[in-house]
Amino acid sequence: MNYDEVKNKLVEKGVKLSSAKVYVSKFKRIILGIGFNEHFTINEVMKHFISFQVNNSLIILDFVNKPETTINEKDNLLKGFLKCLEAYDIDTTVYLEKFQPLMTDLKYDKEFQEASEKEEENKLSKADLIKLREEWKGKLTDKFTKFDLYYVLLSLYTYMQPLRSQDYVNSFLSIIERKDLLECKQNHISLETKKLYLFDYKTVSCYGTRIIDLPNELIQILKEFKEKSSSQYVICSPKGNKLEANSFNRLFHEATKGKQFSCNMARKCFVSEGIEKPIAERKADARVMAHSMSTAAARYSKLSKSFHADDDDLDALIDQMRVLNKLRDDLNKKIMSKLSTVV
C-alpha cells in the first residue's frame, strides 16, 4: 500500500509535510487495525470507506475506543483518519456524525486530565534543569563536544520560558542582524539585537510574527556556542549541521541523563510550577510560549499537584481549592479593572 500517495495528497491540499506524515501514520494504524492489509491499494481502501460509511464508522470506533488507547491518541487517530479521507475529497459527514459523541467526550476528557505515571516519573523542575545545566557547564573544554549541546539546550530552557522544539530547530543563529533573514521571514536569533524572530511555528495563525527579547546571560552563552560550534544554527548536530526534529528530544533525553524528558514536558513542568504566579506574569509567559492561558491552565498545568488533586486526598483537595480561589480572585480583579475603564 502506497502511503506516500496519501501524504502527497495532503501536502497538495496545503497540509504541512510534518503534519501530513503524522496524519498518515494514524490513518495507517486504523486501516491495518480494522483488517486491511498491505495487499490492498489506497484506491481500493478509499472506495470501501465511501461505500460502507455507517458500518465502517462503527468498526473504527470499536478499534479506537479501546481502554488501553490514551485520550490524546484516540483523538489523534480519528482526526488523522478524517484528514486523509478529506485529502481524497470524500464526504466525511456520516463519519463525523458517528464520531462526534466520542470526539466531544475526548475534548472534555483532555481538559484538566491528570499527569500519567510516565510523566510523573520523568518530570523535572526548573531547579533540576539548572542543576543539570551547571553540571554540563563544568565539563566544557576548548573543543566542541556534545557537552556543549547539552549545555546550550538546557540554557535555552532555563534562562527563558520554554518554547517548542520547532522554534529552535528551524532557527538560524546570527552574530549581526541580517536583513535577508527578516525579508524571507526565516526564524533566527540575532546576537546583535538580542532577539528571537519567529515567523514559522505551530500557532502562527493565531499569534502572527513573534519577536522575543532574550536575556543577556543567554546571549553570552549563544555567542560562545556559535564560536565553538561554527554552526549557523541555534541548536545543531554534533557536527554543526542542522538538527533534525526527531533528534531534538533525543538530545533532551541525553542532556537529562536518560529521563524521557522533552520540550513538551519542559512546558508542562514550567506552567505547573508557575500556576500560582500573579495573572500578569502568567499572561506574559503565555505570550512568549504562544499558547492561550486556558491552554496553559487545562493542559500544561497537569503536573501541578495543587491544580490536579487526587479525589481521595483531602489535603490535596484543600490545596487545590486554595489555588483555584486565588486564580478566581485574580480574574475578578482583572474583570473589575476592565469594567471600570468601560464605565
Protein backbone atom coordinates (compact mmCIF):
# COMPACT_ATOMS: atom_id res chain seq x y z
CA MET A 1 0.00 0.00 0.00
CA ASN A 2 1.46 3.31 -1.08
CA TYR A 3 1.05 5.66 1.89
CA ASP A 4 3.26 8.25 0.20
CA GLU A 5 0.37 8.86 -2.18
CA VAL A 6 -1.86 9.86 0.77
CA LYS A 7 0.88 12.06 2.20
CA ASN A 8 1.35 13.80 -1.15
CA LYS A 9 -2.40 14.37 -1.45
CA LEU A 10 -2.43 16.05 1.95
CA VAL A 11 0.51 18.29 1.03
CA GLU A 12 -1.28 19.25 -2.20
CA LYS A 13 -4.23 20.34 -0.03
CA GLY A 14 -1.95 22.70 1.88
CA VAL A 15 -1.08 20.49 4.86
CA LYS A 16 2.50 20.84 6.12
CA LEU A 17 4.69 17.85 5.35
CA SER A 18 5.40 17.15 9.04
CA SER A 19 1.67 17.19 9.83
CA ALA A 20 0.87 15.09 6.76
CA LYS A 21 3.26 12.37 7.97
CA VAL A 22 1.51 12.28 11.35
CA TYR A 23 -1.97 12.08 9.79
CA VAL A 24 -0.88 9.25 7.51
CA SER A 25 0.64 7.31 10.43
CA LYS A 26 -2.74 7.49 12.25
CA PHE A 27 -4.64 6.56 9.10
CA LYS A 28 -2.34 3.57 8.55
CA ARG A 29 -2.81 2.41 12.13
CA ILE A 30 -6.59 2.47 11.72
CA ILE A 31 -6.84 0.67 8.39
CA LEU A 32 -4.43 -2.06 9.49
CA GLY A 33 -6.20 -2.28 12.84
CA ILE A 34 -9.63 -2.88 11.29
CA GLY A 35 -8.47 -5.65 8.97
CA PHE A 36 -6.97 -4.23 5.79
CA ASN A 37 -3.54 -5.49 4.79
CA GLU A 38 -0.72 -4.28 2.55
CA HIS A 39 -2.14 -6.10 -0.48
CA PHE A 40 -4.92 -3.54 -0.82
CA THR A 41 -4.31 -0.39 -2.83
CA ILE A 42 -5.13 3.03 -1.43
CA ASN A 43 -7.86 3.47 -4.04
CA GLU A 44 -9.49 0.18 -3.00
CA VAL A 45 -9.44 1.26 0.63
CA MET A 46 -10.91 4.66 -0.16
CA LYS A 47 -13.70 3.13 -2.26
CA HIS A 48 -14.55 0.90 0.69
CA PHE A 49 -14.74 3.91 3.00
CA ILE A 50 -17.09 5.61 0.53
CA SER A 51 -19.40 2.59 0.15
CA PHE A 52 -19.89 1.38 3.72
CA GLN A 53 -19.66 4.53 5.82
CA VAL A 54 -22.03 3.65 8.69
CA ASN A 55 -20.62 0.16 9.20
CA ASN A 56 -17.02 1.38 8.83
CA SER A 57 -17.51 4.20 11.33
CA LEU A 58 -18.76 1.74 13.98
CA ILE A 59 -15.85 -0.64 13.35
CA ILE A 60 -13.37 2.26 13.58
CA LEU A 61 -14.94 3.47 16.83
CA ASP A 62 -14.58 -0.02 18.34
CA PHE A 63 -10.91 -0.08 17.35
CA VAL A 64 -10.11 3.45 18.51
CA ASN A 65 -12.04 3.34 21.78
CA LYS A 66 -10.06 0.53 23.39
CA PRO A 67 -9.28 1.11 27.11
CA GLU A 68 -5.52 0.87 26.57
CA THR A 69 -5.55 3.69 23.99
CA THR A 70 -4.81 7.06 25.58
CA ILE A 71 -7.19 10.01 25.35
CA ASN A 72 -4.87 12.02 23.11
CA GLU A 73 -4.18 9.02 20.87
CA LYS A 74 -7.90 8.33 20.37
CA ASP A 75 -8.42 11.94 19.34
CA ASN A 76 -5.41 11.90 17.01
CA LEU A 77 -6.46 8.63 15.35
CA LEU A 78 -9.89 9.99 14.46
CA LYS A 79 -8.51 13.31 13.25
CA GLY A 80 -5.85 11.59 11.14
CA PHE A 81 -8.41 9.30 9.55
CA LEU A 82 -10.75 12.17 8.67
CA LYS A 83 -7.92 14.33 7.28
CA CYS A 84 -6.81 11.54 4.94
CA LEU A 85 -10.34 10.99 3.64
CA GLU A 86 -10.73 14.74 3.06
CA ALA A 87 -7.50 14.69 1.04
CA TYR A 88 -9.35 12.47 -1.46
CA ASP A 89 -12.40 14.77 -1.42
CA ILE A 90 -14.51 12.12 0.31
CA ASP A 91 -17.59 13.46 2.08
CA THR A 92 -16.98 12.75 5.79
CA THR A 93 -20.41 13.88 7.04
CA VAL A 94 -21.50 10.39 8.12
CA TYR A 95 -18.18 9.67 9.83
CA LEU A 96 -18.28 13.00 11.66
CA GLU A 97 -21.84 12.31 12.81
CA LYS A 98 -20.86 8.90 14.21
CA PHE A 99 -17.54 10.09 15.66
CA GLN A 100 -18.90 13.29 17.24
CA PRO A 101 -20.10 11.87 20.58
CA LEU A 102 -16.70 10.28 21.26
CA MET A 103 -14.80 13.32 19.99
CA THR A 104 -16.86 15.57 22.29
CA ASP A 105 -16.13 13.30 25.25
CA LEU A 106 -12.45 13.31 24.37
CA LYS A 107 -12.43 17.10 24.23
CA TYR A 108 -13.70 17.29 27.81
CA ASP A 109 -11.50 14.41 28.96
CA LYS A 110 -8.42 16.19 27.62
CA GLU A 111 -9.21 19.23 29.75
CA PHE A 112 -7.64 19.02 33.22
CA GLN A 113 -6.51 15.43 32.82
CA GLU A 114 -4.05 14.34 35.43
CA ALA A 115 -0.44 13.51 34.60
CA SER A 116 0.26 9.93 33.60
CA GLU A 117 2.51 7.69 35.66
CA LYS A 118 5.20 8.03 32.99
CA GLU A 119 5.01 11.83 33.11
CA GLU A 120 5.27 11.80 36.88
CA GLU A 121 8.37 9.61 36.69
CA ASN A 122 10.10 11.81 34.13
CA LYS A 123 9.16 15.32 35.25
CA LEU A 124 11.95 17.72 36.20
CA SER A 125 11.63 21.07 37.93
CA LYS A 126 13.38 24.20 36.74
CA ALA A 127 15.79 23.76 39.66
CA ASP A 128 16.54 20.22 38.42
CA LEU A 129 17.26 21.51 34.92
CA ILE A 130 19.50 24.29 36.23
CA LYS A 131 21.47 21.76 38.27
CA LEU A 132 21.97 19.59 35.18
CA ARG A 133 22.88 22.66 33.11
CA GLU A 134 25.63 23.60 35.56
CA GLU A 135 26.94 20.02 35.62
CA TRP A 136 27.39 20.07 31.84
CA LYS A 137 28.96 23.53 32.06
CA GLY A 138 31.60 22.07 34.35
CA LYS A 139 32.50 19.50 31.69
CA LEU A 140 33.08 22.02 28.87
CA THR A 141 36.54 22.17 27.27
CA ASP A 142 38.15 24.14 24.47
CA LYS A 143 36.83 21.58 21.99
CA PHE A 144 33.25 21.45 20.71
CA THR A 145 31.58 18.32 22.13
CA LYS A 146 28.14 17.02 22.97
CA PHE A 147 28.55 18.63 26.38
CA ASP A 148 28.24 21.99 24.62
CA LEU A 149 24.97 20.84 23.03
CA TYR A 150 23.58 19.71 26.38
CA TYR A 151 24.64 22.98 27.99
CA VAL A 152 23.14 25.27 25.36
CA LEU A 153 19.93 23.19 25.17
CA LEU A 154 19.33 23.41 28.92
CA SER A 155 20.29 27.09 28.85
CA LEU A 156 17.56 27.74 26.29
CA TYR A 157 15.05 26.06 28.63
CA THR A 158 16.13 27.68 31.91
CA TYR A 159 17.08 31.27 31.08
CA MET A 160 13.68 31.92 29.48
CA GLN A 161 10.23 30.41 29.08
CA PRO A 162 10.35 27.00 27.33
CA LEU A 163 9.48 27.17 23.65
CA ARG A 164 8.53 24.37 21.27
CA SER A 165 11.29 22.39 19.58
CA GLN A 166 10.26 23.76 16.15
CA ASP A 167 11.08 27.28 17.36
CA TYR A 168 14.75 26.32 17.77
CA VAL A 169 15.28 23.54 15.21
CA ASN A 170 14.22 25.85 12.37
CA SER A 171 16.15 28.88 13.63
CA PHE A 172 19.43 30.33 12.45
CA LEU A 173 21.94 31.97 14.80
CA SER A 174 23.40 35.22 13.51
CA ILE A 175 26.08 37.47 15.02
CA ILE A 176 24.61 40.54 13.35
CA GLU A 177 21.10 41.50 12.36
CA ARG A 178 20.58 40.01 8.89
CA LYS A 179 18.10 41.80 6.65
CA ASP A 180 17.86 38.78 4.35
CA LEU A 181 16.53 36.56 7.16
CA LEU A 182 13.98 39.20 8.08
CA GLU A 183 12.89 39.69 4.48
CA CYS A 184 12.45 35.97 3.80
CA LYS A 185 10.78 35.54 7.21
CA GLN A 186 13.20 32.91 8.44
CA ASN A 187 13.27 32.05 12.13
CA HIS A 188 16.51 33.32 13.69
CA ILE A 189 18.26 34.80 16.68
CA SER A 190 20.22 38.00 16.22
CA LEU A 191 23.01 38.24 18.79
CA GLU A 192 23.29 41.91 17.90
CA THR A 193 19.69 42.87 18.68
CA LYS A 194 19.36 40.13 21.36
CA LYS A 195 16.07 39.00 19.89
CA LEU A 196 14.50 35.78 18.63
CA TYR A 197 12.42 36.31 15.47
CA LEU A 198 9.78 33.63 14.83
CA PHE A 199 7.80 33.57 11.60
CA ASP A 200 7.15 29.82 11.20
CA TYR A 201 5.79 27.96 14.23
CA LYS A 202 2.84 25.86 15.38
CA THR A 203 0.36 28.58 16.37
CA VAL A 204 1.45 31.27 13.89
CA SER A 205 -2.11 31.57 12.52
CA CYS A 206 -3.24 32.75 15.99
CA TYR A 207 -0.32 34.90 17.11
CA GLY A 208 1.48 36.05 13.96
CA THR A 209 5.14 37.07 13.96
CA ARG A 210 6.78 36.83 17.38
CA ILE A 211 9.79 38.89 18.44
CA ILE A 212 11.15 37.77 21.80
CA ASP A 213 13.74 39.63 23.85
CA LEU A 214 16.48 37.33 25.14
CA PRO A 215 18.31 37.77 28.47
CA ASN A 216 21.95 38.86 28.42
CA GLU A 217 23.10 35.64 30.11
CA LEU A 218 21.62 33.54 27.32
CA ILE A 219 23.04 35.81 24.61
CA GLN A 220 26.55 35.36 26.03
CA ILE A 221 26.12 31.57 26.11
CA LEU A 222 24.92 31.56 22.49
CA LYS A 223 27.86 33.74 21.39
CA GLU A 224 30.32 31.28 22.91
CA PHE A 225 28.38 28.35 21.45
CA LYS A 226 28.49 29.82 17.95
CA GLU A 227 32.22 30.48 18.22
CA LYS A 228 32.95 26.89 19.31
CA SER A 229 30.50 25.09 17.02
CA SER A 230 30.98 27.29 13.91
CA SER A 231 27.35 26.40 13.22
CA GLN A 232 24.77 28.65 11.64
CA TYR A 233 22.00 27.14 13.78
CA VAL A 234 20.71 27.92 17.29
CA ILE A 235 20.93 24.21 18.12
CA CYS A 236 22.81 21.80 15.89
CA SER A 237 24.08 18.26 15.45
CA PRO A 238 27.47 17.21 16.92
CA LYS A 239 28.99 18.11 13.52
CA GLY A 240 27.41 21.58 13.47
CA ASN A 241 24.74 20.69 10.92
CA LYS A 242 21.01 21.27 11.22
CA LEU A 243 19.49 19.15 13.98
CA GLU A 244 16.60 17.08 12.69
CA ALA A 245 13.33 17.46 14.59
CA ASN A 246 13.28 13.81 15.70
CA SER A 247 16.77 14.24 17.19
CA PHE A 248 15.77 17.20 19.37
CA ASN A 249 14.05 15.17 22.08
CA ARG A 250 16.77 12.52 21.88
CA LEU A 251 19.23 15.27 22.77
CA PHE A 252 16.95 16.23 25.64
CA HIS A 253 16.98 12.64 26.89
CA GLU A 254 20.77 12.64 26.86
CA ALA A 255 21.04 16.06 28.50
CA THR A 256 18.73 14.91 31.31
CA LYS A 257 20.70 11.67 31.75
CA GLY A 258 18.20 9.17 30.42
CA LYS A 259 14.97 10.82 31.51
CA GLN A 260 12.18 10.62 28.92
CA PHE A 261 12.09 14.40 29.04
CA SER A 262 11.11 16.60 26.11
CA CYS A 263 10.38 20.22 25.25
CA ASN A 264 6.68 19.45 25.74
CA MET A 265 7.40 18.12 29.23
CA ALA A 266 9.50 21.22 29.92
CA ARG A 267 6.50 23.40 29.03
CA LYS A 268 4.18 21.38 31.26
CA CYS A 269 6.61 21.50 34.18
CA PHE A 270 7.16 25.24 33.76
CA VAL A 271 3.44 26.09 33.73
CA SER A 272 2.71 23.67 36.58
CA GLU A 273 5.34 25.29 38.77
CA GLY A 274 4.04 28.77 37.95
CA ILE A 275 0.33 28.08 38.41
CA GLU A 276 0.18 30.43 41.41
CA LYS A 277 2.03 33.31 39.75
CA PRO A 278 0.16 36.63 39.50
CA ILE A 279 -2.08 36.74 36.45
CA ALA A 280 0.11 39.37 34.75
CA GLU A 281 3.14 37.06 34.93
CA ARG A 282 1.20 34.06 33.65
CA LYS A 283 -0.14 36.17 30.80
CA ALA A 284 3.40 37.24 29.89
CA ASP A 285 4.57 33.62 29.97
CA ALA A 286 1.68 32.52 27.75
CA ARG A 287 2.51 35.26 25.24
CA VAL A 288 6.15 34.15 24.93
CA MET A 289 5.19 30.47 24.80
CA ALA A 290 2.50 31.18 22.15
CA HIS A 291 -0.45 29.49 23.77
CA SER A 292 -3.60 30.76 25.44
CA MET A 293 -3.93 30.99 29.22
CA SER A 294 -6.79 28.48 29.03
CA THR A 295 -4.47 26.01 27.30
CA ALA A 296 -1.88 26.61 29.98
CA ALA A 297 -4.40 26.00 32.75
CA ALA A 298 -6.08 22.98 31.20
CA ARG A 299 -3.22 21.06 29.61
CA TYR A 300 0.20 22.32 30.52
CA SER A 301 -0.59 22.56 34.24
CA LYS A 302 -1.33 18.85 34.56
CA LEU A 303 1.83 18.22 36.63
CA SER A 304 0.68 20.63 39.34
CA LYS A 305 -0.48 18.62 42.34
CA SER A 306 -2.36 21.62 43.73
CA PHE A 307 -4.28 22.01 40.47
CA HIS A 308 -4.97 18.32 39.74
CA ALA A 309 -5.69 16.72 43.09
CA ASP A 310 -6.47 13.11 43.90
CA ASP A 311 -10.15 12.93 44.88
CA ASP A 312 -9.27 10.69 47.83
CA ASP A 313 -6.65 13.06 49.27
CA LEU A 314 -8.31 15.70 51.47
CA ASP A 315 -5.18 17.81 51.92
CA ALA A 316 -4.60 17.87 48.17
CA LEU A 317 -8.21 18.88 47.54
CA ILE A 318 -7.96 21.72 50.06
CA ASP A 319 -4.74 22.87 48.40
CA GLN A 320 -6.42 22.70 45.01
CA MET A 321 -9.31 24.83 46.28
CA ARG A 322 -6.84 27.41 47.59
CA VAL A 323 -5.16 27.69 44.20
CA LEU A 324 -8.45 27.86 42.30
CA ASN A 325 -9.71 30.58 44.67
CA LYS A 326 -6.53 32.56 44.04
CA LEU A 327 -6.95 32.23 40.27
CA ARG A 328 -10.60 33.26 40.60
CA ASP A 329 -9.64 36.34 42.65
CA ASP A 330 -7.01 37.30 40.06
CA LEU A 331 -9.59 37.04 37.27
CA ASN A 332 -12.18 39.01 39.26
CA LYS A 333 -9.69 41.83 39.76
CA LYS A 334 -8.92 41.86 36.05
CA ILE A 335 -12.62 41.90 35.13
CA MET A 336 -13.35 44.75 37.56
CA SER A 337 -10.44 46.72 36.16
CA LYS A 338 -11.77 46.28 32.62
CA LEU A 339 -15.29 47.23 33.69
CA SER A 340 -14.07 50.40 35.39
CA THR A 341 -12.45 51.58 32.15
CA VAL A 342 -15.68 50.89 30.21
CA VAL A 343 -17.75 52.91 32.68
